[in-house]
């Protein structure tokens, strides 16, 4: 076993770990931004008008017709 490469290997592993942590942080931030955008779209959907319709309209699907 060549012990002269241990410091270089240790540095490379440390850099890889930092890179991975950074990538995970960026991914989490991206997911948070996408979640906020999706919630904004959902909240922008207007409510369905139900005035003048009977209570049973729109609650069942006719699968026989």
Protein backbone atom coordinates (compact mmCIF):
# COMPACT_ATOMS: atom_id res chain seq x y z
CA UNK A 1 0.00 0.00 0.00
CA UNK A 2 1.39 3.38 -1.00
CA UNK A 3 0.93 5.81 1.90
CA UNK A 4 2.05 8.87 -0.06
CA UNK A 5 -1.34 9.09 -1.82
CA UNK A 6 -3.40 9.20 1.39
CA UNK A 7 -3.43 13.03 1.73
CA UNK A 8 -4.45 13.46 -1.91
CA UNK A 9 -7.16 10.83 -1.55
CA UNK A 10 -8.42 12.47 1.64
CA UNK A 11 -8.59 15.87 -0.06
CA UNK A 12 -10.42 14.42 -3.07
CA UNK A 13 -12.96 12.68 -0.85
CA UNK A 14 -13.52 15.87 1.16
CA UNK A 15 -14.05 17.89 -2.03
CA UNK A 16 -16.49 15.28 -3.31
CA UNK A 17 -18.46 15.44 -0.07
CA UNK A 18 -18.66 19.24 -0.21
CA UNK A 19 -19.75 19.10 -3.85
CA UNK A 20 -22.45 16.57 -3.03
CA UNK A 21 -23.75 18.67 -0.13
CA UNK A 22 -23.88 21.73 -2.39
CA UNK A 23 -25.77 19.82 -5.07
CA UNK A 24 -28.28 18.58 -2.51
CA UNK A 25 -28.80 22.11 -1.20
CA UNK A 26 -29.41 23.42 -4.72
CA UNK A 27 -31.84 20.57 -5.42
CA UNK A 28 -33.79 21.27 -2.22
CA UNK A 29 -33.99 24.99 -3.05
CA UNK A 30 -35.18 24.16 -6.57
CA UNK A 31 -37.87 21.87 -5.17
CA UNK A 32 -39.00 24.61 -2.76
CA UNK A 33 -39.29 27.07 -5.65
CA UNK A 34 -41.28 24.55 -7.71
CA UNK A 35 -43.58 23.89 -4.76
CA UNK A 36 -44.24 27.61 -4.35
CA UNK A 37 -44.99 27.94 -8.06
CA UNK A 38 -47.36 24.96 -8.02
CA UNK A 39 -49.19 26.32 -4.99
CA UNK A 40 -49.56 29.70 -6.71
CA UNK A 41 -51.08 27.98 -9.75
CA UNK A 42 -53.46 25.94 -7.61
CA UNK A 43 -54.53 29.01 -5.65
CA UNK A 44 -55.13 30.88 -8.93
CA UNK A 45 -57.83 28.40 -10.02
CA UNK A 46 -61.19 30.12 -9.66
CA UNK A 47 -63.85 28.38 -7.59
CA UNK A 48 -66.43 26.37 -9.49
CA UNK A 49 -69.74 28.21 -9.60
CA UNK A 50 -72.51 26.04 -8.18
CA UNK A 51 -75.31 28.58 -7.98
CA UNK A 52 -78.57 27.34 -9.41
CA UNK A 53 -77.55 23.68 -9.70
CA UNK A 54 -79.17 20.87 -7.73
CA UNK A 55 -77.06 19.25 -5.02
CA UNK A 56 -76.72 15.95 -6.93
CA UNK A 57 -75.36 17.50 -10.17
CA UNK A 58 -71.66 16.96 -10.69
CA UNK A 59 -71.15 14.41 -7.92
CA UNK A 60 -71.48 11.14 -9.87
CA UNK A 61 -70.28 9.77 -13.19
CA UNK A 62 -72.66 7.82 -15.42
CA UNK A 63 -70.62 4.83 -16.57
CA UNK A 64 -73.50 3.14 -18.39
CA UNK A 65 -74.28 5.81 -20.96
